[in-house]
Amino acid sequence: MPDDDQRLRICTWLTANGINPNNVTQHAPIHILPIPVRPPETGDGWLAQVIVFTECYVNADGHREQNLISREPVTFQRTVPLRVPFPANLPGNDGGEEEAV
């Protein structure tokens, strides 16, 4: 688990990328991955970066749904475009190809 300063930076970064940090599970890593993009009209491709994370399902009342058998939160994997780069000043961020938070 990250310390309080790192957690605040991560939450700020998630929010800047349009992700509600309150819905992101703390029990799974967050990855920044490159994916190929090839528009059909041009055929030329490039790499785009996405954020892959596990989110808790929140019902219409704003509460987290629980699995009726395990009583664990219902979660799903989500992928969103990276809009704001990961903060370079986090300890352990060495600029590798894949980041795990």
PDB file of N, CA and C in Angstrom:
ATOM      1  N   MET A   1       0.844  -1.185   0.000  1.00  0.00           N
ATOM      2  CA  MET A   1       0.000   0.000   0.000  1.00  0.00           C
ATOM      3  C   MET A   1       0.892   1.253   0.000  1.00  0.00           C
ATOM      4  N   PRO A   2       0.506   2.240  -0.790  1.00  0.00           N
ATOM      5  CA  PRO A   2       1.297   3.474  -0.815  1.00  0.00           C
ATOM      6  C   PRO A   2       1.115   4.267   0.477  1.00  0.00           C
ATOM      7  N   ASP A   3       2.133   5.075   0.786  1.00  0.00           N
ATOM      8  CA  ASP A   3       1.992   5.936   1.956  1.00  0.00           C
ATOM      9  C   ASP A   3       1.006   7.065   1.624  1.00  0.00           C
ATOM     10  N   ASP A   4       0.703   7.905   2.596  1.00  0.00           N
ATOM     11  CA  ASP A   4      -0.325   8.937   2.429  1.00  0.00           C
ATOM     12  C   ASP A   4       0.008   9.928   1.314  1.00  0.00           C
ATOM     13  N   ASP A   5       1.288  10.337   1.214  1.00  0.00           N
ATOM     14  CA  ASP A   5       1.675  11.278   0.168  1.00  0.00           C
ATOM     15  C   ASP A   5       1.505  10.663  -1.217  1.00  0.00           C
ATOM     16  N   GLN A   6       1.943   9.418  -1.373  1.00  0.00           N
ATOM     17  CA  GLN A   6       1.792   8.743  -2.659  1.00  0.00           C
ATOM     18  C   GLN A   6       0.321   8.538  -2.993  1.00  0.00           C
ATOM     19  N   ARG A   7      -0.454   8.157  -2.004  1.00  0.00           N
ATOM     20  CA  ARG A   7      -1.892   7.948  -2.228  1.00  0.00           C
ATOM     21  C   ARG A   7      -2.560   9.233  -2.714  1.00  0.00           C
ATOM     22  N   LEU A   8      -2.212  10.363  -2.121  1.00  0.00           N
ATOM     23  CA  LEU A   8      -2.770  11.648  -2.535  1.00  0.00           C
ATOM     24  C   LEU A   8      -2.380  11.953  -3.980  1.00  0.00           C
ATOM     25  N   ARG A   9      -1.111  11.732  -4.341  1.00  0.00           N
ATOM     26  CA  ARG A   9      -0.662  11.956  -5.725  1.00  0.00           C
ATOM     27  C   ARG A   9      -1.394  11.035  -6.700  1.00  0.00           C
ATOM     28  N   ILE A  10      -1.552   9.777  -6.322  1.00  0.00           N
ATOM     29  CA  ILE A  10      -2.250   8.818  -7.185  1.00  0.00           C
ATOM     30  C   ILE A  10      -3.706   9.235  -7.370  1.00  0.00           C
ATOM     31  N   CYS A  11      -4.371   9.617  -6.277  1.00  0.00           N
ATOM     32  CA  CYS A  11      -5.776  10.040  -6.361  1.00  0.00           C
ATOM     33  C   CYS A  11      -5.919  11.294  -7.218  1.00  0.00           C
ATOM     34  N   THR A  12      -5.006  12.234  -7.079  1.00  0.00           N
ATOM     35  CA  THR A  12      -5.030  13.452  -7.890  1.00  0.00           C
ATOM     36  C   THR A  12      -4.837  13.112  -9.359  1.00  0.00           C
ATOM     37  N   TRP A  13      -3.904  12.198  -9.659  1.00  0.00           N
ATOM     38  CA  TRP A  13      -3.637  11.763 -11.029  1.00  0.00           C
ATOM     39  C   TRP A  13      -4.850  11.040 -11.623  1.00  0.00           C
ATOM     40  N   LEU A  14      -5.461  10.139 -10.854  1.00  0.00           N
ATOM     41  CA  LEU A  14      -6.653   9.442 -11.338  1.00  0.00           C
ATOM     42  C   LEU A  14      -7.761  10.433 -11.668  1.00  0.00           C
ATOM     43  N   THR A  15      -8.000  11.384 -10.778  1.00  0.00           N
ATOM     44  CA  THR A  15      -9.030  12.390 -10.989  1.00  0.00           C
ATOM     45  C   THR A  15      -8.749  13.207 -12.249  1.00  0.00           C
ATOM     46  N   ALA A  16      -7.494  13.584 -12.459  1.00  0.00           N
ATOM     47  CA  ALA A  16      -7.113  14.345 -13.659  1.00  0.00           C
ATOM     48  C   ALA A  16      -7.367  13.557 -14.938  1.00  0.00           C
ATOM     49  N   ASN A  17      -7.403  12.241 -14.827  1.00  0.00           N
ATOM     50  CA  ASN A  17      -7.676  11.376 -15.976  1.00  0.00           C
ATOM     51  C   ASN A  17      -9.148  10.962 -16.059  1.00  0.00           C
ATOM     52  N   GLY A  18     -10.011  11.614 -15.285  1.00  0.00           N
ATOM     53  CA  GLY A  18     -11.446  11.353 -15.350  1.00  0.00           C
ATOM     54  C   GLY A  18     -11.890  10.099 -14.621  1.00  0.00           C
ATOM     55  N   ILE A  19     -11.080   9.629 -13.684  1.00  0.00           N
ATOM     56  CA  ILE A  19     -11.377   8.408 -12.936  1.00  0.00           C
ATOM     57  C   ILE A  19     -11.680   8.796 -11.491  1.00  0.00           C
ATOM     58  N   ASN A  20     -12.774   8.271 -10.946  1.00  0.00           N
ATOM     59  CA  ASN A  20     -13.108   8.524  -9.547  1.00  0.00           C
ATOM     60  C   ASN A  20     -12.254   7.594  -8.679  1.00  0.00           C
ATOM     61  N   PRO A  21     -11.281   8.125  -7.933  1.00  0.00           N
ATOM     62  CA  PRO A  21     -10.400   7.265  -7.136  1.00  0.00           C
ATOM     63  C   PRO A  21     -11.141   6.478  -6.054  1.00  0.00           C
ATOM     64  N   ASN A  22     -12.310   6.947  -5.632  1.00  0.00           N
ATOM     65  CA  ASN A  22     -13.074   6.236  -4.604  1.00  0.00           C
ATOM     66  C   ASN A  22     -13.610   4.907  -5.117  1.00  0.00           C
ATOM     67  N   ASN A  23     -13.708   4.760  -6.435  1.00  0.00           N
ATOM     68  CA  ASN A  23     -14.242   3.527  -7.014  1.00  0.00           C
ATOM     69  C   ASN A  23     -13.160   2.555  -7.458  1.00  0.00           C
ATOM     70  N   VAL A  24     -11.893   2.961  -7.383  1.00  0.00           N
ATOM     71  CA  VAL A  24     -10.788   2.099  -7.809  1.00  0.00           C
ATOM     72  C   VAL A  24     -10.393   1.204  -6.637  1.00  0.00           C
ATOM     73  N   THR A  25     -10.342  -0.098  -6.901  1.00  0.00           N
ATOM     74  CA  THR A  25      -9.977  -1.025  -5.834  1.00  0.00           C
ATOM     75  C   THR A  25      -8.500  -0.892  -5.490  1.00  0.00           C
ATOM     76  N   GLN A  26      -8.199  -1.029  -4.229  1.00  0.00           N
ATOM     77  CA  GLN A  26      -6.814  -0.949  -3.761  1.00  0.00           C
ATOM     78  C   GLN A  26      -6.115  -2.293  -3.847  1.00  0.00           C
ATOM     79  N   HIS A  27      -6.845  -3.339  -4.220  1.00  0.00           N
ATOM     80  CA  HIS A  27      -6.304  -4.691  -4.200  1.00  0.00           C
ATOM     81  C   HIS A  27      -5.793  -5.160  -5.551  1.00  0.00           C
ATOM     82  N   ALA A  28      -5.761  -4.286  -6.532  1.00  0.00           N
ATOM     83  CA  ALA A  28      -5.267  -4.650  -7.862  1.00  0.00           C
ATOM     84  C   ALA A  28      -4.376  -3.514  -8.375  1.00  0.00           C
ATOM     85  N   PRO A  29      -3.366  -3.835  -9.161  1.00  0.00           N
ATOM     86  CA  PRO A  29      -2.478  -2.784  -9.676  1.00  0.00           C
ATOM     87  C   PRO A  29      -3.170  -1.923 -10.734  1.00  0.00           C
ATOM     88  N   ILE A  30      -2.612  -0.752 -10.932  1.00  0.00           N
ATOM     89  CA  ILE A  30      -3.012   0.149 -12.007  1.00  0.00           C
ATOM     90  C   ILE A  30      -1.858   0.137 -13.007  1.00  0.00           C
ATOM     91  N   HIS A  31      -2.181  -0.084 -14.287  1.00  0.00           N
ATOM     92  CA  HIS A  31      -1.137  -0.151 -15.315  1.00  0.00           C
ATOM     93  C   HIS A  31      -1.328   0.953 -16.344  1.00  0.00           C
ATOM     94  N   ILE A  32      -0.221   1.463 -16.850  1.00  0.00           N
ATOM     95  CA  ILE A  32      -0.232   2.348 -18.010  1.00  0.00           C
ATOM     96  C   ILE A  32       0.385   1.535 -19.140  1.00  0.00           C
ATOM     97  N   LEU A  33      -0.397   1.311 -20.202  1.00  0.00           N
ATOM     98  CA  LEU A  33       0.056   0.444 -21.289  1.00  0.00           C
ATOM     99  C   LEU A  33      -0.076   1.142 -22.639  1.00  0.00           C
ATOM    100  N   PRO A  34       0.856   0.870 -23.562  1.00  0.00           N
ATOM    101  CA  PRO A  34       0.692   1.362 -24.938  1.00  0.00           C
ATOM    102  C   PRO A  34      -0.181   0.389 -25.722  1.00  0.00           C
ATOM    103  N   ILE A  35      -1.075   0.921 -26.546  1.00  0.00           N
ATOM    104  CA  ILE A  35      -1.884   0.066 -27.422  1.00  0.00           C
ATOM    105  C   ILE A  35      -1.804   0.624 -28.843  1.00  0.00           C
ATOM    106  N   PRO A  36      -1.806  -0.246 -29.847  1.00  0.00           N
ATOM    107  CA  PRO A  36      -1.775   0.241 -31.224  1.00  0.00           C
ATOM    108  C   PRO A  36      -3.129   0.815 -31.643  1.00  0.00           C
ATOM    109  N   VAL A  37      -3.084   1.902 -32.376  1.00  0.00           N
ATOM    110  CA  VAL A  37      -4.294   2.539 -32.896  1.00  0.00           C
ATOM    111  C   VAL A  37      -4.121   2.645 -34.410  1.00  0.00           C
ATOM    112  N   ARG A  38      -5.084   2.155 -35.147  1.00  0.00           N
ATOM    113  CA  ARG A  38      -5.029   2.226 -36.607  1.00  0.00           C
ATOM    114  C   ARG A  38      -6.386   2.694 -37.124  1.00  0.00           C
ATOM    115  N   PRO A  39      -6.500   3.988 -37.463  1.00  0.00           N
ATOM    116  CA  PRO A  39      -7.772   4.473 -37.998  1.00  0.00           C
ATOM    117  C   PRO A  39      -8.060   3.848 -39.365  1.00  0.00           C
ATOM    118  N   PRO A  40      -9.286   3.386 -39.606  1.00  0.00           N
ATOM    119  CA  PRO A  40      -9.604   2.724 -40.873  1.00  0.00           C
ATOM    120  C   PRO A  40      -9.486   3.641 -42.085  1.00  0.00           C
ATOM    121  N   GLU A  41      -9.694   4.943 -41.899  1.00  0.00           N
ATOM    122  CA  GLU A  41      -9.672   5.847 -43.047  1.00  0.00           C
ATOM    123  C   GLU A  41      -8.262   6.100 -43.588  1.00  0.00           C
ATOM    124  N   THR A  42      -7.236   6.025 -42.737  1.00  0.00           N
ATOM    125  CA  THR A  42      -5.870   6.294 -43.211  1.00  0.00           C
ATOM    126  C   THR A  42      -5.017   5.043 -43.267  1.00  0.00           C
ATOM    127  N   GLY A  43      -5.270   4.104 -42.377  1.00  0.00           N
ATOM    128  CA  GLY A  43      -4.453   2.896 -42.325  1.00  0.00           C
ATOM    129  C   GLY A  43      -3.133   3.089 -41.607  1.00  0.00           C
ATOM    130  N   ASP A  44      -2.732   4.343 -41.378  1.00  0.00           N
ATOM    131  CA  ASP A  44      -1.510   4.614 -40.624  1.00  0.00           C
ATOM    132  C   ASP A  44      -1.804   4.412 -39.142  1.00  0.00           C
ATOM    133  N   GLY A  45      -0.848   3.878 -38.428  1.00  0.00           N
ATOM    134  CA  GLY A  45      -1.072   3.618 -37.025  1.00  0.00           C
ATOM    135  C   GLY A  45      -0.102   4.348 -36.128  1.00  0.00           C
ATOM    136  N   TRP A  46      -0.406   4.357 -34.850  1.00  0.00           N
ATOM    137  CA  TRP A  46       0.464   4.917 -33.834  1.00  0.00           C
ATOM    138  C   TRP A  46       0.151   4.216 -32.522  1.00  0.00           C
ATOM    139  N   LEU A  47       0.904   4.534 -31.501  1.00  0.00           N
ATOM    140  CA  LEU A  47       0.655   3.968 -30.177  1.00  0.00           C
ATOM    141  C   LEU A  47      -0.012   5.016 -29.297  1.00  0.00           C
ATOM    142  N   ALA A  48      -1.044   4.601 -28.604  1.00  0.00           N
ATOM    143  CA  ALA A  48      -1.704   5.452 -27.617  1.00  0.00           C
ATOM    144  C   ALA A  48      -1.508   4.800 -26.256  1.00  0.00           C
ATOM    145  N   GLN A  49      -1.480   5.595 -25.216  1.00  0.00           N
ATOM    146  CA  GLN A  49      -1.347   5.043 -23.878  1.00  0.00           C
ATOM    147  C   GLN A  49      -2.716   5.013 -23.204  1.00  0.00           C
ATOM    148  N   VAL A  50      -2.952   3.927 -22.463  1.00  0.00           N
ATOM    149  CA  VAL A  50      -4.198   3.760 -21.723  1.00  0.00           C
ATOM    150  C   VAL A  50      -3.888   3.408 -20.275  1.00  0.00           C
ATOM    151  N   ILE A  51      -4.860   3.668 -19.423  1.00  0.00           N
ATOM    152  CA  ILE A  51      -4.780   3.278 -18.015  1.00  0.00           C
ATOM    153  C   ILE A  51      -5.710   2.081 -17.846  1.00  0.00           C
ATOM    154  N   VAL A  52      -5.179   0.994 -17.284  1.00  0.00           N
ATOM    155  CA  VAL A  52      -5.966  -0.213 -17.029  1.00  0.00           C
ATOM    156  C   VAL A  52      -6.037  -0.385 -15.510  1.00  0.00           C
ATOM    157  N   PHE A  53      -7.249  -0.496 -14.985  1.00  0.00           N
ATOM    158  CA  PHE A  53      -7.424  -0.595 -13.535  1.00  0.00           C
ATOM    159  C   PHE A  53      -8.681  -1.398 -13.222  1.00  0.00           C
ATOM    160  N   THR A  54      -8.835  -1.745 -11.959  1.00  0.00           N
ATOM    161  CA  THR A  54     -10.009  -2.482 -11.503  1.00  0.00           C
ATOM    162  C   THR A  54     -10.892  -1.531 -10.700  1.00  0.00           C
ATOM    163  N   GLU A  55     -12.154  -1.480 -11.096  1.00  0.00           N
ATOM    164  CA  GLU A  55     -13.103  -0.557 -10.478  1.00  0.00           C
ATOM    165  C   GLU A  55     -14.211  -1.339  -9.782  1.00  0.00           C
ATOM    166  N   CYS A  56     -14.687  -0.809  -8.684  1.00  0.00           N
ATOM    167  CA  CYS A  56     -15.830  -1.402  -7.986  1.00  0.00           C
ATOM    168  C   CYS A  56     -17.112  -0.933  -8.672  1.00  0.00           C
ATOM    169  N   TYR A  57     -18.058  -1.854  -8.831  1.00  0.00           N
ATOM    170  CA  TYR A  57     -19.341  -1.513  -9.430  1.00  0.00           C
ATOM    171  C   TYR A  57     -20.163  -0.737  -8.410  1.00  0.00           C
ATOM    172  N   VAL A  58     -20.666   0.422  -8.823  1.00  0.00           N
ATOM    173  CA  VAL A  58     -21.486   1.270  -7.965  1.00  0.00           C
ATOM    174  C   VAL A  58     -22.893   1.289  -8.551  1.00  0.00           C
ATOM    175  N   ASN A  59     -23.890   0.978  -7.719  1.00  0.00           N
ATOM    176  CA  ASN A  59     -25.273   0.922  -8.207  1.00  0.00           C
ATOM    177  C   ASN A  59     -25.868   2.326  -8.340  1.00  0.00           C
ATOM    178  N   ALA A  60     -27.125   2.389  -8.773  1.00  0.00           N
ATOM    179  CA  ALA A  60     -27.797   3.671  -9.008  1.00  0.00           C
ATOM    180  C   ALA A  60     -27.921   4.507  -7.737  1.00  0.00           C
ATOM    181  N   ASP A  61     -27.915   3.864  -6.575  1.00  0.00           N
ATOM    182  CA  ASP A  61     -27.984   4.586  -5.301  1.00  0.00           C
ATOM    183  C   ASP A  61     -26.635   5.115  -4.845  1.00  0.00           C
ATOM    184  N   GLY A  62     -25.565   4.804  -5.605  1.00  0.00           N
ATOM    185  CA  GLY A  62     -24.230   5.267  -5.246  1.00  0.00           C
ATOM    186  C   GLY A  62     -23.500   4.356  -4.278  1.00  0.00           C
ATOM    187  N   HIS A  63     -24.041   3.170  -4.023  1.00  0.00           N
ATOM    188  CA  HIS A  63     -23.401   2.221  -3.115  1.00  0.00           C
ATOM    189  C   HIS A  63     -22.690   1.128  -3.909  1.00  0.00           C
ATOM    190  N   ARG A  64     -21.616   0.620  -3.356  1.00  0.00           N
ATOM    191  CA  ARG A  64     -20.901  -0.482  -3.995  1.00  0.00           C
ATOM    192  C   ARG A  64     -21.727  -1.764  -3.887  1.00  0.00           C
ATOM    193  N   GLU A  65     -21.858  -2.444  -5.017  1.00  0.00           N
ATOM    194  CA  GLU A  65     -22.551  -3.724  -5.021  1.00  0.00           C
ATOM    195  C   GLU A  65     -21.642  -4.789  -4.419  1.00  0.00           C
ATOM    196  N   GLN A  66     -22.233  -5.746  -3.695  1.00  0.00           N
ATOM    197  CA  GLN A  66     -21.487  -6.859  -3.121  1.00  0.00           C
ATOM    198  C   GLN A  66     -21.955  -8.159  -3.733  1.00  0.00           C
ATOM    199  N   ASN A  67     -21.012  -9.068  -3.923  1.00  0.00           N
ATOM    200  CA  ASN A  67     -21.339 -10.418  -4.350  1.00  0.00           C
ATOM    201  C   ASN A  67     -22.129 -11.053  -3.210  1.00  0.00           C
ATOM    202  N   LEU A  68     -23.288 -11.622  -3.510  1.00  0.00           N
ATOM    203  CA  LEU A  68     -24.156 -12.169  -2.467  1.00  0.00           C
ATOM    204  C   LEU A  68     -23.550 -13.369  -1.751  1.00  0.00           C
ATOM    205  N   ILE A  69     -22.650 -14.077  -2.414  1.00  0.00           N
ATOM    206  CA  ILE A  69     -22.049 -15.259  -1.796  1.00  0.00           C
ATOM    207  C   ILE A  69     -20.780 -14.904  -1.019  1.00  0.00           C
ATOM    208  N   SER A  70     -19.863 -14.212  -1.678  1.00  0.00           N
ATOM    209  CA  SER A  70     -18.562 -13.933  -1.044  1.00  0.00           C
ATOM    210  C   SER A  70     -18.575 -12.665  -0.186  1.00  0.00           C
ATOM    211  N   ARG A  71     -19.559 -11.814  -0.401  1.00  0.00           N
ATOM    212  CA  ARG A  71     -19.645 -10.518   0.293  1.00  0.00           C
ATOM    213  C   ARG A  71     -18.507  -9.570  -0.071  1.00  0.00           C
ATOM    214  N   GLU A  72     -17.772  -9.899  -1.137  1.00  0.00           N
ATOM    215  CA  GLU A  72     -16.723  -9.029  -1.657  1.00  0.00           C
ATOM    216  C   GLU A  72     -17.361  -8.044  -2.640  1.00  0.00           C
ATOM    217  N   PRO A  73     -16.752  -6.864  -2.819  1.00  0.00           N
ATOM    218  CA  PRO A  73     -17.295  -5.930  -3.809  1.00  0.00           C
ATOM    219  C   PRO A  73     -17.257  -6.532  -5.220  1.00  0.00           C
ATOM    220  N   VAL A  74     -18.262  -6.206  -6.009  1.00  0.00           N
ATOM    221  CA  VAL A  74     -18.281  -6.601  -7.416  1.00  0.00           C
ATOM    222  C   VAL A  74     -17.351  -5.645  -8.149  1.00  0.00           C
ATOM    223  N   THR A  75     -16.389  -6.189  -8.894  1.00  0.00           N
ATOM    224  CA  THR A  75     -15.411  -5.365  -9.594  1.00  0.00           C
ATOM    225  C   THR A  75     -15.358  -5.737 -11.067  1.00  0.00           C
ATOM    226  N   PHE A  76     -14.808  -4.840 -11.855  1.00  0.00           N
ATOM    227  CA  PHE A  76     -14.602  -5.087 -13.280  1.00  0.00           C
ATOM    228  C   PHE A  76     -13.361  -4.316 -13.721  1.00  0.00           C
ATOM    229  N   GLN A  77     -12.756  -4.789 -14.799  1.00  0.00           N
ATOM    230  CA  GLN A  77     -11.577  -4.115 -15.333  1.00  0.00           C
ATOM    231  C   GLN A  77     -12.030  -3.014 -16.277  1.00  0.00           C
ATOM    232  N   ARG A  78     -11.375  -1.881 -16.176  1.00  0.00           N
ATOM    233  CA  ARG A  78     -11.711  -0.728 -17.000  1.00  0.00           C
ATOM    234  C   ARG A  78     -10.455  -0.213 -17.679  1.00  0.00           C
ATOM    235  N   THR A  79     -10.597   0.306 -18.890  1.00  0.00           N
ATOM    236  CA  THR A  79      -9.487   0.888 -19.638  1.00  0.00           C
ATOM    237  C   THR A  79      -9.922   2.252 -20.140  1.00  0.00           C
ATOM    238  N   VAL A  80      -9.121   3.275 -19.844  1.00  0.00           N
ATOM    239  CA  VAL A  80      -9.425   4.630 -20.305  1.00  0.00           C
ATOM    240  C   VAL A  80      -8.169   5.236 -20.922  1.00  0.00           C
ATOM    241  N   PRO A  81      -8.332   6.183 -21.847  1.00  0.00           N
ATOM    242  CA  PRO A  81      -7.159   6.846 -22.431  1.00  0.00           C
ATOM    243  C   PRO A  81      -6.388   7.630 -21.368  1.00  0.00           C
ATOM    244  N   LEU A  82      -5.078   7.610 -21.480  1.00  0.00           N
ATOM    245  CA  LEU A  82      -4.226   8.406 -20.595  1.00  0.00           C
ATOM    246  C   LEU A  82      -4.269   9.847 -21.094  1.00  0.00           C
ATOM    247  N   ARG A  83      -4.763  10.751 -20.266  1.00  0.00           N
ATOM    248  CA  ARG A  83      -4.824  12.178 -20.613  1.00  0.00           C
ATOM    249  C   ARG A  83      -3.694  12.956 -19.954  1.00  0.00           C
ATOM    250  N   VAL A  84      -3.410  12.601 -18.695  1.00  0.00           N
ATOM    251  CA  VAL A  84      -2.391  13.295 -17.908  1.00  0.00           C
ATOM    252  C   VAL A  84      -1.322  12.269 -17.540  1.00  0.00           C
ATOM    253  N   PRO A  85      -0.052  12.540 -17.871  1.00  0.00           N
ATOM    254  CA  PRO A  85       1.014  11.569 -17.567  1.00  0.00           C
ATOM    255  C   PRO A  85       1.118  11.270 -16.067  1.00  0.00           C
ATOM    256  N   PHE A  86       1.636  10.088 -15.792  1.00  0.00           N
ATOM    257  CA  PHE A  86       1.851   9.678 -14.409  1.00  0.00           C
ATOM    258  C   PHE A  86       2.888  10.592 -13.777  1.00  0.00           C
ATOM    259  N   PRO A  87       2.704  11.008 -12.530  1.00  0.00           N
ATOM    260  CA  PRO A  87       3.652  11.933 -11.888  1.00  0.00           C
ATOM    261  C   PRO A  87       5.058  11.346 -11.814  1.00  0.00           C
ATOM    262  N   ALA A  88       6.017  12.055 -12.367  1.00  0.00           N
ATOM    263  CA  ALA A  88       7.402  11.581 -12.418  1.00  0.00           C
ATOM    264  C   ALA A  88       8.075  11.612 -11.055  1.00  0.00           C
ATOM    265  N   ASN A  89       7.536  12.370 -10.118  1.00  0.00           N
ATOM    266  CA  ASN A  89       8.200  12.515  -8.819  1.00  0.00           C
ATOM    267  C   ASN A  89       7.819  11.441  -7.808  1.00  0.00           C
ATOM    268  N   LEU A  90       7.036  10.426  -8.214  1.00  0.00           N
ATOM    269  CA  LEU A  90       6.717   9.344  -7.285  1.00  0.00           C
ATOM    270  C   LEU A  90       7.922   8.430  -7.119  1.00  0.00           C
ATOM    271  N   PRO A  91       8.275   8.076  -5.904  1.00  0.00           N
ATOM    272  CA  PRO A  91       9.373   7.134  -5.706  1.00  0.00           C
ATOM    273  C   PRO A  91       9.077   5.818  -6.411  1.00  0.00           C
ATOM    274  N   GLY A  92      10.076   5.251  -7.052  1.00  0.00           N
ATOM    275  CA  GLY A  92       9.910   3.978  -7.727  1.00  0.00           C
ATOM    276  C   GLY A  92       9.454   4.112  -9.163  1.00  0.00           C
ATOM    277  N   ASN A  93       9.158   5.332  -9.622  1.00  0.00           N
ATOM    278  CA  ASN A  93       8.756   5.538 -11.016  1.00  0.00           C
ATOM    279  C   ASN A  93      10.015   5.778 -11.827  1.00  0.00           C
ATOM    280  N   ASP A  94      10.532   4.710 -12.440  1.00  0.00           N
ATOM    281  CA  ASP A  94      11.798   4.814 -13.159  1.00  0.00           C
ATOM    282  C   ASP A  94      11.618   5.003 -14.656  1.00  0.00           C
ATOM    283  N   GLY A  95      10.358   5.259 -15.102  1.00  0.00           N
ATOM    284  CA  GLY A  95      10.127   5.525 -16.502  1.00  0.00           C
ATOM    285  C   GLY A  95      10.086   4.300 -17.380  1.00  0.00           C
ATOM    286  N   GLY A  96       9.850   3.121 -16.787  1.00  0.00           N
ATOM    287  CA  GLY A  96       9.775   1.887 -17.554  1.00  0.00           C
ATOM    288  C   GLY A  96       8.575   1.878 -18.484  1.00  0.00           C
ATOM    289  N   GLU A  97       8.498   0.858 -19.331  1.00  0.00           N
ATOM    290  CA  GLU A  97       7.420   0.769 -20.308  1.00  0.00           C
ATOM    291  C   GLU A  97       6.062   0.593 -19.644  1.00  0.00           C
ATOM    292  N   GLU A  98       6.010  -0.154 -18.576  1.00  0.00           N
ATOM    293  CA  GLU A  98       4.746  -0.420 -17.896  1.00  0.00           C
ATOM    294  C   GLU A  98       4.875   0.037 -16.459  1.00  0.00           C
ATOM    295  N   GLU A  99       3.925   0.830 -16.028  1.00  0.00           N
ATOM    296  CA  GLU A  99       3.932   1.305 -14.653  1.00  0.00           C
ATOM    297  C   GLU A  99       2.847   0.575 -13.878  1.00  0.00           C
ATOM    298  N   ALA A 100       3.140   0.184 -12.676  1.00  0.00           N
ATOM    299  CA  ALA A 100       2.133  -0.389 -11.775  1.00  0.00           C
ATOM    300  C   ALA A 100       2.073   0.494 -10.549  1.00  0.00           C
ATOM    301  N   VAL A 101       0.873   0.878 -10.174  1.00  0.00           N
ATOM    302  CA  VAL A 101       0.696   1.747  -9.016  1.00  0.00           C
ATOM    303  C   VAL A 101       0.194   0.913  -7.861  1.00  0.00           C
TER     304      VAL A 101
END
